[in-house]
Amino acid sequence: MNAIGTPAAADSVTEIVLPGIVEPTGLEVRVRPVSEPAVGEVLLAVEASGVSFAEQQMRRGKYYDQPAFPFVPGYDLVGTVLRVGPDGDAALVGRRFAALTKVGGWASLAVLPAADLVEVPEGVDPAEAETVVVNGITAWQMLHRRAGIRRGQTILVHGANGGVGSTLVQLATRAGVRVIGTASPRHHDAVRALGAIPLDYRAADLPALVRAHAPHGVDAVFDHVGGEGIVDSFGLLARGGILVSYGTAATKNAPGSSRLPVLKLVARLLWWHLLPNGRRTHFYNIWAGKRRPATFRARLRTDLSEVFALLGAGAITAQVAARIPLSRAADALALAESGTVAGKVVLVPDAL
């Protein structure tokens, strides 16, 4: 069968191109003919795409395994299927799905493998759903698949006002876990509203402040910062606790190799993990297990569906920092990098 769906308003695609190592203002807007979906693929009208730390690193040329310039960034998206490829499932047309893309999401249309789609529940706003795609998968898997948190435990979440951090806080508190969250003081009210105990991440005596709330240490630390502060994160663990590291934000502006800070961090975590001290470490990579595509996709679909169900039921709240039109992606990236917002900046379609 031929491609299925309505081609109206889907003959060209507007996309944001990252041409090289540039400031946010260096992003380029490009219009090109749309690619038709091949066998096993779908064409989606993108309704929301997130601005995450990954794109902030990519524009610096610092993301661990980013493609060669130029390319279209966009780590995840939510959109409605317009057409499916030859012999595809026509029932997909008109339905809303989310997908983890790594690149390519900052566009008005996207061609993706149908196997990568996770359905968004009816009634869930696409921008709100978008905030819990990469953030929700990351938070859910770190909490439940890696840390194995249990009711009554105490955890420390660095960057509790951020996209991943705010989702972590909500999922953990809902599971009956006590959360201590670090953030800038201007975000403390927001962090407190999510159910966490806010602490200033810049406080010189931060470990002592954490110990005041958890004298015997915390059961888990979720650290996206890396750098030398990771030593304090490990030192705050109670016996049997786990440090889950998932980034190196502290080295985002460091000159030199983009891979070296990550490799140093992973080596340090492995060394600590092997020490006979009753504490564990793990470096979380959302793409782990990708070499077994069927298993990877099934796990991703299961975990994101759990998060979507909570969002649809109102058990967790989407933290949308701002909705900015796709053509103003430069403004969106600058806002996300400013450190002044709580939650996630989301790109949405330009008004017709």
C-alpha atoms as a PDB file:
ATOM      1  CA  MET A   1       0.000   0.000   0.000  1.00  0.00           C
ATOM      2  CA  ASN A   2       1.133   3.592  -0.480  1.00  0.00           C
ATOM      3  CA  ALA A   3       1.801   6.097   2.316  1.00  0.00           C
ATOM      4  CA  ILE A   4      -1.380   6.597   4.325  1.00  0.00           C
ATOM      5  CA  GLY A   5      -2.755   9.833   5.689  1.00  0.00           C
ATOM      6  CA  THR A   6      -3.488  13.387   4.659  1.00  0.00           C
ATOM      7  CA  PRO A   7      -0.580  15.204   3.038  1.00  0.00           C
ATOM      8  CA  ALA A   8      -2.094  18.650   3.537  1.00  0.00           C
ATOM      9  CA  ALA A   9       0.329  21.095   5.221  1.00  0.00           C
ATOM     10  CA  ALA A  10       2.946  18.358   5.301  1.00  0.00           C
ATOM     11  CA  ASP A  11       4.892  18.937   2.100  1.00  0.00           C
ATOM     12  CA  SER A  12       7.722  20.865   3.749  1.00  0.00           C
ATOM     13  CA  VAL A  13       9.409  20.813   7.142  1.00  0.00           C
ATOM     14  CA  THR A  14      10.810  23.686   9.189  1.00  0.00           C
ATOM     15  CA  GLU A  15      13.740  22.659  11.338  1.00  0.00           C
ATOM     16  CA  ILE A  16      16.342  24.235  13.582  1.00  0.00           C
ATOM     17  CA  VAL A  17      19.930  23.543  12.589  1.00  0.00           C
ATOM     18  CA  LEU A  18      22.934  23.631  14.885  1.00  0.00           C
ATOM     19  CA  PRO A  19      25.684  24.590  12.406  1.00  0.00           C
ATOM     20  CA  GLY A  20      28.670  24.319  14.747  1.00  0.00           C
ATOM     21  CA  ILE A  21      29.920  25.534  18.118  1.00  0.00           C
ATOM     22  CA  VAL A  22      27.846  28.694  18.427  1.00  0.00           C
ATOM     23  CA  GLU A  23      25.964  30.810  20.923  1.00  0.00           C
ATOM     24  CA  PRO A  24      22.198  30.237  20.997  1.00  0.00           C
ATOM     25  CA  THR A  25      21.804  33.108  18.523  1.00  0.00           C
ATOM     26  CA  GLY A  26      23.809  31.056  16.017  1.00  0.00           C
ATOM     27  CA  LEU A  27      21.006  28.523  15.519  1.00  0.00           C
ATOM     28  CA  GLU A  28      19.644  28.506  11.967  1.00  0.00           C
ATOM     29  CA  VAL A  29      16.095  28.022  10.694  1.00  0.00           C
ATOM     30  CA  ARG A  30      15.844  25.858   7.574  1.00  0.00           C
ATOM     31  CA  VAL A  31      12.894  24.838   5.394  1.00  0.00           C
ATOM     32  CA  ARG A  32      13.217  21.762   3.198  1.00  0.00           C
ATOM     33  CA  PRO A  33      10.953  19.245   1.451  1.00  0.00           C
ATOM     34  CA  VAL A  34       9.538  16.649   3.801  1.00  0.00           C
ATOM     35  CA  SER A  35      10.874  13.105   3.618  1.00  0.00           C
ATOM     36  CA  GLU A  36       8.225  10.443   3.163  1.00  0.00           C
ATOM     37  CA  PRO A  37       8.112   7.602   5.703  1.00  0.00           C
ATOM     38  CA  ALA A  38       9.650   4.342   4.531  1.00  0.00           C
ATOM     39  CA  VAL A  39       8.600   0.838   5.542  1.00  0.00           C
ATOM     40  CA  GLY A  40       8.286   0.698   9.324  1.00  0.00           C
ATOM     41  CA  GLU A  41       8.274   4.498   9.683  1.00  0.00           C
ATOM     42  CA  VAL A  42       5.738   7.233  10.371  1.00  0.00           C
ATOM     43  CA  LEU A  43       5.550  10.952   9.687  1.00  0.00           C
ATOM     44  CA  LEU A  44       4.558  12.999  12.730  1.00  0.00           C
ATOM     45  CA  ALA A  45       3.466  16.605  13.098  1.00  0.00           C
ATOM     46  CA  VAL A  46       5.617  17.693  16.044  1.00  0.00           C
ATOM     47  CA  GLU A  47       3.529  19.393  18.738  1.00  0.00           C
ATOM     48  CA  ALA A  48       6.226  19.758  21.383  1.00  0.00           C
ATOM     49  CA  SER A  49       9.956  19.199  21.690  1.00  0.00           C
ATOM     50  CA  GLY A  50      12.066  19.809  24.757  1.00  0.00           C
ATOM     51  CA  VAL A  51      15.126  21.933  25.443  1.00  0.00           C
ATOM     52  CA  SER A  52      17.327  19.828  27.697  1.00  0.00           C
ATOM     53  CA  PHE A  53      20.866  19.877  29.063  1.00  0.00           C
ATOM     54  CA  ALA A  54      21.885  17.649  26.162  1.00  0.00           C
ATOM     55  CA  GLU A  55      21.220  20.399  23.607  1.00  0.00           C
ATOM     56  CA  GLN A  56      23.046  22.899  25.792  1.00  0.00           C
ATOM     57  CA  GLN A  57      26.080  20.648  25.654  1.00  0.00           C
ATOM     58  CA  MET A  58      25.697  19.914  21.955  1.00  0.00           C
ATOM     59  CA  ARG A  59      25.895  23.553  20.962  1.00  0.00           C
ATOM     60  CA  ARG A  60      29.224  23.681  22.816  1.00  0.00           C
ATOM     61  CA  GLY A  61      30.391  20.505  21.077  1.00  0.00           C
ATOM     62  CA  LYS A  62      30.538  18.875  24.526  1.00  0.00           C
ATOM     63  CA  TYR A  63      27.892  16.152  24.421  1.00  0.00           C
ATOM     64  CA  TYR A  64      29.521  12.741  24.694  1.00  0.00           C
ATOM     65  CA  ASP A  65      28.392  11.156  21.417  1.00  0.00           C
ATOM     66  CA  GLN A  66      26.754  13.934  19.421  1.00  0.00           C
ATOM     67  CA  PRO A  67      26.805  13.730  15.608  1.00  0.00           C
ATOM     68  CA  ALA A  68      29.040  15.857  13.398  1.00  0.00           C
ATOM     69  CA  PHE A  69      27.878  19.412  12.685  1.00  0.00           C
ATOM     70  CA  PRO A  70      25.582  20.533  11.177  1.00  0.00           C
ATOM     71  CA  PHE A  71      22.562  18.678  12.549  1.00  0.00           C
ATOM     72  CA  VAL A  72      19.077  19.222  13.939  1.00  0.00           C
ATOM     73  CA  PRO A  73      18.988  18.946  17.750  1.00  0.00           C
ATOM     74  CA  GLY A  74      16.004  17.771  19.769  1.00  0.00           C
ATOM     75  CA  TYR A  75      16.301  14.911  22.246  1.00  0.00           C
ATOM     76  CA  ASP A  76      12.614  14.035  22.482  1.00  0.00           C
ATOM     77  CA  LEU A  77       9.254  15.027  21.087  1.00  0.00           C
ATOM     78  CA  VAL A  78       5.486  14.583  21.148  1.00  0.00           C
ATOM     79  CA  GLY A  79       3.474  14.626  17.951  1.00  0.00           C
ATOM     80  CA  THR A  80       0.526  13.287  15.980  1.00  0.00           C
ATOM     81  CA  VAL A  81       0.964  10.761  13.181  1.00  0.00           C
ATOM     82  CA  LEU A  82       0.094  12.210   9.751  1.00  0.00           C
ATOM     83  CA  ARG A  83       1.168   9.342   7.511  1.00  0.00           C
ATOM     84  CA  VAL A  84       2.632   5.872   7.793  1.00  0.00           C
ATOM     85  CA  GLY A  85       5.008   4.160   5.420  1.00  0.00           C
ATOM     86  CA  PRO A  86       4.173   1.432   2.907  1.00  0.00           C
ATOM     87  CA  ASP A  87       2.236  -1.427   4.492  1.00  0.00           C
ATOM     88  CA  GLY A  88       2.123   0.504   7.763  1.00  0.00           C
ATOM     89  CA  ASP A  89      -0.669   0.439  10.332  1.00  0.00           C
ATOM     90  CA  ALA A  90      -3.273   2.982   9.200  1.00  0.00           C
ATOM     91  CA  ALA A  91      -4.746   2.970  12.719  1.00  0.00           C
ATOM     92  CA  LEU A  92      -1.771   5.041  13.892  1.00  0.00           C
ATOM     93  CA  VAL A  93      -2.852   8.065  11.844  1.00  0.00           C
ATOM     94  CA  GLY A  94      -4.333  10.839  13.983  1.00  0.00           C
ATOM     95  CA  ARG A  95      -3.022   9.450  17.269  1.00  0.00           C
ATOM     96  CA  ARG A  96      -0.554  11.247  19.547  1.00  0.00           C
ATOM     97  CA  PHE A  97       2.744   9.652  20.498  1.00  0.00           C
ATOM     98  CA  ALA A  98       5.999  10.492  22.256  1.00  0.00           C
ATOM     99  CA  ALA A  99       9.453   9.426  21.158  1.00  0.00           C
ATOM    100  CA  LEU A 100      13.013   9.570  22.387  1.00  0.00           C
ATOM    101  CA  THR A 101      15.127  10.782  19.464  1.00  0.00           C
ATOM    102  CA  LYS A 102      18.489  12.131  20.753  1.00  0.00           C
ATOM    103  CA  VAL A 103      18.565  14.455  17.708  1.00  0.00           C
ATOM    104  CA  GLY A 104      16.027  15.665  15.157  1.00  0.00           C
ATOM    105  CA  GLY A 105      13.206  16.783  17.450  1.00  0.00           C
ATOM    106  CA  TRP A 106      13.482  20.532  16.804  1.00  0.00           C
ATOM    107  CA  ALA A 107      11.378  20.408  13.661  1.00  0.00           C
ATOM    108  CA  SER A 108       7.792  20.880  12.531  1.00  0.00           C
ATOM    109  CA  LEU A 109       7.665  17.328  11.132  1.00  0.00           C
ATOM    110  CA  ALA A 110       9.659  14.207  11.915  1.00  0.00           C
ATOM    111  CA  VAL A 111      10.028  10.784  10.334  1.00  0.00           C
ATOM    112  CA  LEU A 112      10.598   8.102  12.977  1.00  0.00           C
ATOM    113  CA  PRO A 113      10.471   4.319  13.335  1.00  0.00           C
ATOM    114  CA  ALA A 114       6.972   3.299  14.391  1.00  0.00           C
ATOM    115  CA  ALA A 115       8.563   0.915  16.903  1.00  0.00           C
ATOM    116  CA  ASP A 116       9.951   3.900  18.847  1.00  0.00           C
ATOM    117  CA  LEU A 117       6.547   5.438  19.576  1.00  0.00           C
ATOM    118  CA  VAL A 118       4.900   5.507  23.002  1.00  0.00           C
ATOM    119  CA  GLU A 119       1.252   6.560  23.020  1.00  0.00           C
ATOM    120  CA  VAL A 120       0.262   9.655  24.982  1.00  0.00           C
ATOM    121  CA  PRO A 121      -2.994   9.242  26.959  1.00  0.00           C
ATOM    122  CA  GLU A 122      -6.027  11.124  25.670  1.00  0.00           C
ATOM    123  CA  GLY A 123      -6.557  14.462  27.339  1.00  0.00           C
ATOM    124  CA  VAL A 124      -2.885  15.015  28.202  1.00  0.00           C
ATOM    125  CA  ASP A 125      -1.557  18.289  26.814  1.00  0.00           C
ATOM    126  CA  PRO A 126       1.334  17.630  24.380  1.00  0.00           C
ATOM    127  CA  ALA A 127       3.678  20.184  25.981  1.00  0.00           C
ATOM    128  CA  GLU A 128       2.987  18.725  29.402  1.00  0.00           C
ATOM    129  CA  ALA A 129       3.551  15.213  28.101  1.00  0.00           C
ATOM    130  CA  GLU A 130       6.824  16.375  26.547  1.00  0.00           C
ATOM    131  CA  THR A 131       8.241  17.416  29.919  1.00  0.00           C
ATOM    132  CA  VAL A 132       8.177  13.809  31.115  1.00  0.00           C
ATOM    133  CA  VAL A 133       9.584  12.019  28.087  1.00  0.00           C
ATOM    134  CA  VAL A 134      13.360  11.994  28.575  1.00  0.00           C
ATOM    135  CA  ASN A 135      12.932  13.438  32.083  1.00  0.00           C
ATOM    136  CA  GLY A 136      10.303  10.902  33.093  1.00  0.00           C
ATOM    137  CA  ILE A 137      12.142   7.900  31.684  1.00  0.00           C
ATOM    138  CA  THR A 138      15.361   9.049  33.350  1.00  0.00           C
ATOM    139  CA  ALA A 139      13.736   9.696  36.722  1.00  0.00           C
ATOM    140  CA  TRP A 140      11.668   6.493  36.735  1.00  0.00           C
ATOM    141  CA  GLN A 141      14.529   4.233  35.737  1.00  0.00           C
ATOM    142  CA  MET A 142      16.995   5.787  38.172  1.00  0.00           C
ATOM    143  CA  LEU A 143      14.549   5.556  41.067  1.00  0.00           C
ATOM    144  CA  HIS A 144      13.066   2.149  40.420  1.00  0.00           C
ATOM    145  CA  ARG A 145      15.412   0.194  38.145  1.00  0.00           C
ATOM    146  CA  ARG A 146      18.747   1.427  39.535  1.00  0.00           C
ATOM    147  CA  ALA A 147      18.262   2.681  43.090  1.00  0.00           C
ATOM    148  CA  GLY A 148      15.315   0.465  43.996  1.00  0.00           C
ATOM    149  CA  ILE A 149      13.955   3.050  46.434  1.00  0.00           C
ATOM    150  CA  ARG A 150      11.566   1.956  49.172  1.00  0.00           C
ATOM    151  CA  ARG A 151       8.944   3.713  51.235  1.00  0.00           C
ATOM    152  CA  GLY A 152      10.402   5.415  54.306  1.00  0.00           C
ATOM    153  CA  GLN A 153      13.849   6.008  52.808  1.00  0.00           C
ATOM    154  CA  THR A 154      15.559   9.394  52.456  1.00  0.00           C
ATOM    155  CA  ILE A 155      17.206  10.552  49.245  1.00  0.00           C
ATOM    156  CA  LEU A 156      19.133  13.604  48.037  1.00  0.00           C
ATOM    157  CA  VAL A 157      18.278  15.093  44.631  1.00  0.00           C
ATOM    158  CA  HIS A 158      20.641  17.687  43.198  1.00  0.00           C
ATOM    159  CA  GLY A 159      19.012  20.234  40.917  1.00  0.00           C
ATOM    160  CA  ALA A 160      15.560  19.539  42.344  1.00  0.00           C
ATOM    161  CA  ASN A 161      14.090  22.449  40.362  1.00  0.00           C
ATOM    162  CA  GLY A 162      15.241  21.137  36.978  1.00  0.00           C
ATOM    163  CA  GLY A 163      13.485  18.966  34.456  1.00  0.00           C
ATOM    164  CA  VAL A 164      14.772  15.625  35.704  1.00  0.00           C
ATOM    165  CA  GLY A 165      15.101  16.803  39.302  1.00  0.00           C
ATOM    166  CA  SER A 166      11.516  18.012  39.661  1.00  0.00           C
ATOM    167  CA  THR A 167      10.254  14.743  38.199  1.00  0.00           C
ATOM    168  CA  LEU A 168      12.480  12.756  40.537  1.00  0.00           C
ATOM    169  CA  VAL A 169      11.107  14.642  43.529  1.00  0.00           C
ATOM    170  CA  GLN A 170       7.503  13.997  42.553  1.00  0.00           C
ATOM    171  CA  LEU A 171       7.954  10.315  41.781  1.00  0.00           C
ATOM    172  CA  ALA A 172       9.899   9.764  44.994  1.00  0.00           C
ATOM    173  CA  THR A 173       7.519  11.606  47.321  1.00  0.00           C
ATOM    174  CA  ARG A 174       4.601   9.762  45.749  1.00  0.00           C
ATOM    175  CA  ALA A 175       6.404   6.502  46.601  1.00  0.00           C
ATOM    176  CA  GLY A 176       6.616   7.525  50.259  1.00  0.00           C
ATOM    177  CA  VAL A 177      10.252   8.607  50.146  1.00  0.00           C
ATOM    178  CA  ARG A 178      11.598  11.640  52.013  1.00  0.00           C
ATOM    179  CA  VAL A 179      13.438  13.982  49.630  1.00  0.00           C
ATOM    180  CA  ILE A 180      16.118  16.586  50.257  1.00  0.00           C
ATOM    181  CA  GLY A 181      16.572  18.737  47.161  1.00  0.00           C
ATOM    182  CA  THR A 182      19.288  21.218  46.262  1.00  0.00           C
ATOM    183  CA  ALA A 183      18.502  24.307  44.214  1.00  0.00           C
ATOM    184  CA  SER A 184      19.114  28.037  44.026  1.00  0.00           C
ATOM    185  CA  PRO A 185      17.260  29.881  46.823  1.00  0.00           C
ATOM    186  CA  ARG A 186      14.947  31.542  44.288  1.00  0.00           C
ATOM    187  CA  HIS A 187      13.571  28.073  43.491  1.00  0.00           C
ATOM    188  CA  HIS A 188      13.149  26.882  47.080  1.00  0.00           C
ATOM    189  CA  ASP A 189       9.426  27.630  47.244  1.00  0.00           C
ATOM    190  CA  ALA A 190       8.872  25.605  44.072  1.00  0.00           C
ATOM    191  CA  VAL A 191      10.966  22.717  45.392  1.00  0.00           C
ATOM    192  CA  ARG A 192       9.111  22.804  48.699  1.00  0.00           C
ATOM    193  CA  ALA A 193       5.775  22.773  46.845  1.00  0.00           C
ATOM    194  CA  LEU A 194       6.863  19.545  45.129  1.00  0.00           C
ATOM    195  CA  GLY A 195       7.335  17.964  48.548  1.00  0.00           C
ATOM    196  CA  ALA A 196      11.112  18.208  49.084  1.00  0.00           C
ATOM    197  CA  ILE A 197      13.240  19.875  51.738  1.00  0.00           C
ATOM    198  CA  PRO A 198      15.116  22.619  49.824  1.00  0.00           C
ATOM    199  CA  LEU A 199      18.800  23.411  50.428  1.00  0.00           C
ATOM    200  CA  ASP A 200      21.046  25.946  48.721  1.00  0.00           C
ATOM    201  CA  TYR A 201      23.320  24.041  46.334  1.00  0.00           C
ATOM    202  CA  ARG A 202      25.996  26.728  46.725  1.00  0.00           C
ATOM    203  CA  ALA A 203      26.178  26.513  50.514  1.00  0.00           C
ATOM    204  CA  ALA A 204      29.760  25.956  51.667  1.00  0.00           C
ATOM    205  CA  ASP A 205      28.522  23.615  54.389  1.00  0.00           C
ATOM    206  CA  LEU A 206      26.067  21.705  52.194  1.00  0.00           C
ATOM    207  CA  PRO A 207      27.117  18.256  53.486  1.00  0.00           C
ATOM    208  CA  ALA A 208      26.503  19.433  57.048  1.00  0.00           C
ATOM    209  CA  LEU A 209      23.098  20.811  56.074  1.00  0.00           C
ATOM    210  CA  VAL A 210      22.170  17.452  54.546  1.00  0.00           C
ATOM    211  CA  ARG A 211      23.422  15.628  57.657  1.00  0.00           C
ATOM    212  CA  ALA A 212      21.182  17.833  59.805  1.00  0.00           C
ATOM    213  CA  HIS A 213      18.220  16.191  58.073  1.00  0.00           C
ATOM    214  CA  ALA A 214      19.806  12.745  57.654  1.00  0.00           C
ATOM    215  CA  PRO A 215      22.351  12.208  60.469  1.00  0.00           C
ATOM    216  CA  HIS A 216      23.185   8.670  59.346  1.00  0.00           C
ATOM    217  CA  GLY A 217      23.369   9.528  55.662  1.00  0.00           C
ATOM    218  CA  VAL A 218      20.897   9.223  52.813  1.00  0.00           C
ATOM    219  CA  ASP A 219      19.792   6.067  51.055  1.00  0.00           C
ATOM    220  CA  ALA A 220      20.413   7.457  47.578  1.00  0.00           C
ATOM    221  CA  VAL A 221      21.919  10.512  45.906  1.00  0.00           C
ATOM    222  CA  PHE A 222      20.973  11.537  42.360  1.00  0.00           C
ATOM    223  CA  ASP A 223      23.755  13.730  40.976  1.00  0.00           C
ATOM    224  CA  HIS A 224      23.824  15.370  37.531  1.00  0.00           C
ATOM    225  CA  VAL A 225      26.644  17.739  38.438  1.00  0.00           C
ATOM    226  CA  GLY A 226      29.749  15.557  38.580  1.00  0.00           C
ATOM    227  CA  GLY A 227      33.053  17.348  39.090  1.00  0.00           C
ATOM    228  CA  GLU A 228      34.676  17.322  42.500  1.00  0.00           C
ATOM    229  CA  GLY A 229      31.304  17.714  44.201  1.00  0.00           C
ATOM    230  CA  ILE A 230      30.683  14.043  43.456  1.00  0.00           C
ATOM    231  CA  VAL A 231      32.991  13.259  46.394  1.00  0.00           C
ATOM    232  CA  ASP A 232      30.539  14.909  48.802  1.00  0.00           C
ATOM    233  CA  SER A 233      27.638  13.060  47.174  1.00  0.00           C
ATOM    234  CA  PHE A 234      29.320   9.725  47.770  1.00  0.00           C
ATOM    235  CA  GLY A 235      30.296  10.690  51.315  1.00  0.00           C
ATOM    236  CA  LEU A 236      26.674  11.433  52.216  1.00  0.00           C
ATOM    237  CA  LEU A 237      25.524   7.873  51.559  1.00  0.00           C
ATOM    238  CA  ALA A 238      24.404   5.659  54.398  1.00  0.00           C
ATOM    239  CA  ARG A 239      25.690   2.111  54.431  1.00  0.00           C
ATOM    240  CA  GLY A 240      23.774   0.240  51.747  1.00  0.00           C
ATOM    241  CA  GLY A 241      23.059   3.475  49.887  1.00  0.00           C
ATOM    242  CA  ILE A 242      23.606   4.178  46.203  1.00  0.00           C
ATOM    243  CA  LEU A 243      24.978   7.151  44.286  1.00  0.00           C
ATOM    244  CA  VAL A 244      23.364   7.462  40.852  1.00  0.00           C
ATOM    245  CA  SER A 245      25.272   9.871  38.634  1.00  0.00           C
ATOM    246  CA  TYR A 246      23.746  10.973  35.354  1.00  0.00           C
ATOM    247  CA  GLY A 247      25.727  13.971  34.112  1.00  0.00           C
ATOM    248  CA  THR A 248      28.736  16.253  34.351  1.00  0.00           C
ATOM    249  CA  ALA A 249      27.179  19.719  34.458  1.00  0.00           C
ATOM    250  CA  ALA A 250      30.116  21.039  36.504  1.00  0.00           C
ATOM    251  CA  THR A 251      32.428  20.582  33.519  1.00  0.00           C
ATOM    252  CA  LYS A 252      30.102  21.915  30.800  1.00  0.00           C
ATOM    253  CA  ASN A 253      32.401  24.870  30.055  1.00  0.00           C
ATOM    254  CA  ALA A 254      35.695  23.068  30.592  1.00  0.00           C
ATOM    255  CA  PRO A 255      38.023  23.205  27.570  1.00  0.00           C
ATOM    256  CA  GLY A 256      39.243  20.089  25.814  1.00  0.00           C
ATOM    257  CA  SER A 257      37.696  16.713  25.147  1.00  0.00           C
ATOM    258  CA  SER A 258      33.971  16.272  25.708  1.00  0.00           C
ATOM    259  CA  ARG A 259      34.543  12.635  26.621  1.00  0.00           C
ATOM    260  CA  LEU A 260      37.311  12.966  29.178  1.00  0.00           C
ATOM    261  CA  PRO A 261      35.163  14.338  32.065  1.00  0.00           C
ATOM    262  CA  VAL A 262      32.648  11.522  31.552  1.00  0.00           C
ATOM    263  CA  LEU A 263      35.337   8.842  31.410  1.00  0.00           C
ATOM    264  CA  LYS A 264      36.987  10.213  34.575  1.00  0.00           C
ATOM    265  CA  LEU A 265      33.648  10.245  36.368  1.00  0.00           C
ATOM    266  CA  VAL A 266      32.777   6.697  35.320  1.00  0.00           C
ATOM    267  CA  ALA A 267      36.222   5.472  36.402  1.00  0.00           C
ATOM    268  CA  ARG A 268      35.817   7.101  39.814  1.00  0.00           C
ATOM    269  CA  LEU A 269      32.354   5.616  40.273  1.00  0.00           C
ATOM    270  CA  LEU A 270      33.607   2.167  39.321  1.00  0.00           C
ATOM    271  CA  TRP A 271      36.454   2.415  41.822  1.00  0.00           C
ATOM    272  CA  TRP A 272      34.089   3.407  44.622  1.00  0.00           C
ATOM    273  CA  HIS A 273      31.672   0.656  43.655  1.00  0.00           C
ATOM    274  CA  LEU A 274      34.406  -1.944  44.030  1.00  0.00           C
ATOM    275  CA  LEU A 275      35.469  -0.761  47.491  1.00  0.00           C
ATOM    276  CA  PRO A 276      34.194  -2.968  50.368  1.00  0.00           C
ATOM    277  CA  ASN A 277      32.329  -0.125  52.100  1.00  0.00           C
ATOM    278  CA  GLY A 278      28.707  -1.222  51.686  1.00  0.00           C
ATOM    279  CA  ARG A 279      27.868   1.625  49.295  1.00  0.00           C
ATOM    280  CA  ARG A 280      27.084   1.374  45.599  1.00  0.00           C
ATOM    281  CA  THR A 281      27.498   3.628  42.576  1.00  0.00           C
ATOM    282  CA  HIS A 282      25.995   3.687  39.094  1.00  0.00           C
ATOM    283  CA  PHE A 283      26.404   5.912  36.045  1.00  0.00           C
ATOM    284  CA  TYR A 284      23.007   6.141  34.389  1.00  0.00           C
ATOM    285  CA  ASN A 285      22.833   6.276  30.602  1.00  0.00           C
ATOM    286  CA  ILE A 286      19.351   6.349  29.116  1.00  0.00           C
ATOM    287  CA  TRP A 287      20.669   4.565  26.003  1.00  0.00           C
ATOM    288  CA  ALA A 288      22.112   1.602  27.904  1.00  0.00           C
ATOM    289  CA  GLY A 289      20.852  -1.622  26.417  1.00  0.00           C
ATOM    290  CA  LYS A 290      20.281  -0.117  22.952  1.00  0.00           C
ATOM    291  CA  ARG A 291      22.222  -3.021  21.433  1.00  0.00           C
ATOM    292  CA  ARG A 292      19.177  -5.166  22.221  1.00  0.00           C
ATOM    293  CA  PRO A 293      16.560  -2.984  20.492  1.00  0.00           C
ATOM    294  CA  ALA A 294      13.475  -5.042  21.324  1.00  0.00           C
ATOM    295  CA  THR A 295      14.295  -5.196  25.036  1.00  0.00           C
ATOM    296  CA  PHE A 296      15.317  -1.534  25.117  1.00  0.00           C
ATOM    297  CA  ARG A 297      12.099  -0.387  23.451  1.00  0.00           C
ATOM    298  CA  ALA A 298       9.905  -2.580  25.639  1.00  0.00           C
ATOM    299  CA  ARG A 299      11.489  -1.261  28.820  1.00  0.00           C
ATOM    300  CA  LEU A 300      11.268   2.330  27.628  1.00  0.00           C
ATOM    301  CA  ARG A 301       7.614   1.920  26.643  1.00  0.00           C
ATOM    302  CA  THR A 302       6.743   0.306  29.976  1.00  0.00           C
ATOM    303  CA  ASP A 303       8.472   2.973  32.059  1.00  0.00           C
ATOM    304  CA  LEU A 304       7.222   5.993  30.110  1.00  0.00           C
ATOM    305  CA  SER A 305       3.690   4.577  30.102  1.00  0.00           C
ATOM    306  CA  GLU A 306       3.861   4.399  33.911  1.00  0.00           C
ATOM    307  CA  VAL A 307       4.864   8.055  34.065  1.00  0.00           C
ATOM    308  CA  PHE A 308       2.209   9.099  31.534  1.00  0.00           C
ATOM    309  CA  ALA A 309      -0.440   7.291  33.588  1.00  0.00           C
ATOM    310  CA  LEU A 310       0.578   9.256  36.679  1.00  0.00           C
ATOM    311  CA  LEU A 311       0.546  12.505  34.717  1.00  0.00           C
ATOM    312  CA  GLY A 312      -2.851  11.759  33.216  1.00  0.00           C
ATOM    313  CA  ALA A 313      -4.271  10.940  36.648  1.00  0.00           C
ATOM    314  CA  GLY A 314      -2.904  14.153  38.164  1.00  0.00           C
ATOM    315  CA  ALA A 315      -0.614  12.214  40.512  1.00  0.00           C
ATOM    316  CA  ILE A 316       2.347  14.199  39.189  1.00  0.00           C
ATOM    317  CA  THR A 317       2.386  17.653  37.629  1.00  0.00           C
ATOM    318  CA  ALA A 318       4.185  18.693  34.459  1.00  0.00           C
ATOM    319  CA  GLN A 319       6.786  21.355  35.148  1.00  0.00           C
ATOM    320  CA  VAL A 320       6.570  23.490  32.003  1.00  0.00           C
ATOM    321  CA  ALA A 321       8.909  26.445  32.443  1.00  0.00           C
ATOM    322  CA  ALA A 322       7.901  28.106  29.158  1.00  0.00           C
ATOM    323  CA  ARG A 323       6.284  27.353  25.792  1.00  0.00           C
ATOM    324  CA  ILE A 324       8.223  29.027  22.990  1.00  0.00           C
ATOM    325  CA  PRO A 325       7.528  28.804  19.217  1.00  0.00           C
ATOM    326  CA  LEU A 326       9.900  26.648  17.196  1.00  0.00           C
ATOM    327  CA  SER A 327      11.132  29.615  15.148  1.00  0.00           C
ATOM    328  CA  ARG A 328      12.375  31.197  18.392  1.00  0.00           C
ATOM    329  CA  ALA A 329      14.498  28.201  19.385  1.00  0.00           C
ATOM    330  CA  ALA A 330      17.432  30.538  20.042  1.00  0.00           C
ATOM    331  CA  ASP A 331      15.399  32.320  22.733  1.00  0.00           C
ATOM    332  CA  ALA A 332      14.307  28.985  24.180  1.00  0.00           C
ATOM    333  CA  LEU A 333      17.879  27.692  24.414  1.00  0.00           C
ATOM    334  CA  ALA A 334      19.109  30.923  26.001  1.00  0.00           C
ATOM    335  CA  LEU A 335      16.297  30.785  28.561  1.00  0.00           C
ATOM    336  CA  ALA A 336      17.031  27.151  29.400  1.00  0.00           C
ATOM    337  CA  GLU A 337      20.717  27.998  29.904  1.00  0.00           C
ATOM    338  CA  SER A 338      19.979  31.036  32.067  1.00  0.00           C
ATOM    339  CA  GLY A 339      19.321  29.004  35.195  1.00  0.00           C
ATOM    340  CA  THR A 340      16.398  31.281  36.027  1.00  0.00           C
ATOM    341  CA  VAL A 341      13.539  28.851  35.344  1.00  0.00           C
ATOM    342  CA  ALA A 342      12.115  25.852  37.131  1.00  0.00           C
ATOM    343  CA  GLY A 343      11.082  22.888  35.006  1.00  0.00           C
ATOM    344  CA  LYS A 344      11.561  22.442  31.269  1.00  0.00           C
ATOM    345  CA  VAL A 345      11.456  24.861  28.361  1.00  0.00           C
ATOM    346  CA  VAL A 346       9.318  23.419  25.538  1.00  0.00           C
ATOM    347  CA  LEU A 347       9.304  24.287  21.844  1.00  0.00           C
ATOM    348  CA  VAL A 348       5.812  24.346  20.322  1.00  0.00           C
ATOM    349  CA  PRO A 349       4.553  24.973  16.758  1.00  0.00           C
ATOM    350  CA  ASP A 350       4.445  28.545  15.483  1.00  0.00           C
ATOM    351  CA  ALA A 351       0.988  30.075  15.287  1.00  0.00           C
ATOM    352  CA  LEU A 352      -0.566  29.782  11.830  1.00  0.00           C
END
